[in-house]
Amino acid sequence: MTLHRVIDFWHGAGCTLRANYFLKKVLDTKQVFGIIGDMKAVVTIQMDNQAFEQPYTCMELERILYRIADTVARQAIDSVGHECAEADANGNYIAKLKIVED
């Protein structure tokens, strides 16, 4: 079924039933419209250094997570094998994100 046929059903009487059926088909098969297999993002952050000492632990963690999110958006990290690393406030690379197959 093409996307145009699904959109046509939105204008018909059975739009809700057909849309629910199509959504269920997408979620069940994971192969419609380019959804191929499962992926997960693995994030590892070493917090055993001076940048994470109290009382700055939460601020440094927030900064690292923000930078990871920014890098993911800027570099379009969205496929298996893509990865990035981030440094703490002292310049030590302590965070890594990698997309792997689930």
Protein backbone atom coordinates (compact mmCIF):
# COMPACT_ATOMS: atom_id res chain seq x y z
CA MET A 1 0.00 0.00 0.00
CA THR A 2 1.36 3.41 -0.91
CA LEU A 3 1.32 6.50 1.24
CA HIS A 4 -1.05 8.17 -1.24
CA ARG A 5 -3.64 5.44 -0.71
CA VAL A 6 -3.41 5.88 3.04
CA ILE A 7 -3.93 9.63 2.69
CA ASP A 8 -6.98 8.98 0.46
CA PHE A 9 -8.55 6.99 3.27
CA TRP A 10 -8.43 10.04 5.52
CA HIS A 11 -11.10 11.59 3.28
CA GLY A 12 -13.35 8.51 3.26
CA ALA A 13 -15.91 7.18 5.69
CA GLY A 14 -13.64 4.47 7.11
CA CYS A 15 -10.65 6.71 7.72
CA THR A 16 -10.18 5.85 11.39
CA LEU A 17 -10.38 2.08 10.94
CA ARG A 18 -8.07 2.08 7.93
CA ALA A 19 -5.54 4.39 9.60
CA ASN A 20 -5.47 2.18 12.70
CA TYR A 21 -4.97 -0.92 10.53
CA PHE A 22 -2.11 0.71 8.65
CA LEU A 23 -0.45 1.90 11.87
CA LYS A 24 -0.69 -1.61 13.33
CA LYS A 25 0.87 -3.00 10.14
CA VAL A 26 3.77 -0.54 10.43
CA LEU A 27 4.37 -1.39 14.07
CA ASP A 28 4.10 -5.16 13.51
CA THR A 29 6.35 -5.52 10.47
CA LYS A 30 8.95 -2.78 11.11
CA GLN A 31 9.61 -2.85 7.36
CA VAL A 32 7.25 -0.25 5.93
CA PHE A 33 8.61 3.10 4.72
CA GLY A 34 12.27 2.34 5.43
CA ILE A 35 11.99 1.03 8.98
CA ILE A 36 14.61 -1.71 8.86
CA GLY A 37 15.31 -3.66 12.03
CA ASP A 38 15.85 -2.30 15.47
CA MET A 39 18.50 0.12 16.65
CA LYS A 40 19.49 1.52 20.00
CA ALA A 41 21.75 4.31 21.13
CA VAL A 42 24.31 3.32 23.75
CA VAL A 43 25.63 6.24 25.81
CA THR A 44 28.59 5.74 28.13
CA ILE A 45 29.79 8.52 30.42
CA GLN A 46 32.76 8.08 32.78
CA MET A 47 31.98 10.15 35.88
CA ASP A 48 35.04 9.29 37.96
CA ASN A 49 37.06 12.44 37.37
CA GLN A 50 37.43 15.93 38.81
CA ALA A 51 34.83 17.53 36.52
CA PHE A 52 32.10 15.47 38.22
CA GLU A 53 33.00 16.26 41.83
CA GLN A 54 30.32 17.66 44.12
CA PRO A 55 28.63 20.15 43.94
CA TYR A 56 29.05 20.31 40.13
CA THR A 57 28.05 16.75 39.24
CA CYS A 58 24.59 17.54 37.86
CA MET A 59 25.78 20.62 35.95
CA GLU A 60 28.60 18.69 34.24
CA LEU A 61 26.30 15.79 33.41
CA GLU A 62 23.77 18.22 31.94
CA ARG A 63 26.49 19.89 29.86
CA ILE A 64 27.75 16.55 28.49
CA LEU A 65 24.24 15.32 27.64
CA TYR A 66 23.42 18.63 25.95
CA ARG A 67 26.62 18.44 23.88
CA ILE A 68 25.87 14.85 22.85
CA ALA A 69 22.37 15.87 21.73
CA ASP A 70 23.78 18.85 19.83
CA THR A 71 26.37 16.67 18.07
CA VAL A 72 23.72 14.08 17.15
CA ALA A 73 21.62 16.81 15.52
CA ARG A 74 24.49 18.58 13.75
CA GLN A 75 26.15 15.43 12.40
CA ALA A 76 22.87 13.56 11.69
CA ILE A 77 23.87 10.55 13.76
CA ASP A 78 20.97 8.28 12.92
CA SER A 79 22.18 4.92 11.58
CA VAL A 80 23.85 1.80 12.88
CA GLY A 81 27.59 2.41 13.24
CA HIS A 82 27.36 6.17 13.72
CA GLU A 83 29.02 7.46 16.88
CA CYS A 84 30.31 10.55 18.63
CA ALA A 85 32.43 11.41 21.66
CA GLU A 86 32.42 14.43 23.97
CA ALA A 87 34.93 15.93 26.40
CA ASP A 88 34.32 17.12 29.94
CA ALA A 89 35.12 20.63 31.17
CA ASN A 90 38.77 19.63 31.63
CA GLY A 91 39.15 18.42 28.04
CA ASN A 92 39.10 14.69 28.78
CA TYR A 93 37.01 12.59 26.38
CA ILE A 94 34.70 10.83 28.81
CA ALA A 95 31.40 10.41 26.90
CA LYS A 96 30.57 8.27 23.92
CA LEU A 97 27.36 7.61 22.00
CA LYS A 98 27.14 4.79 19.49
CA ILE A 99 24.16 3.52 17.46
CA VAL A 100 24.07 -0.29 17.38
CA GLU A 101 21.68 -2.99 16.20
CA ASP A 102 19.34 -4.21 18.89
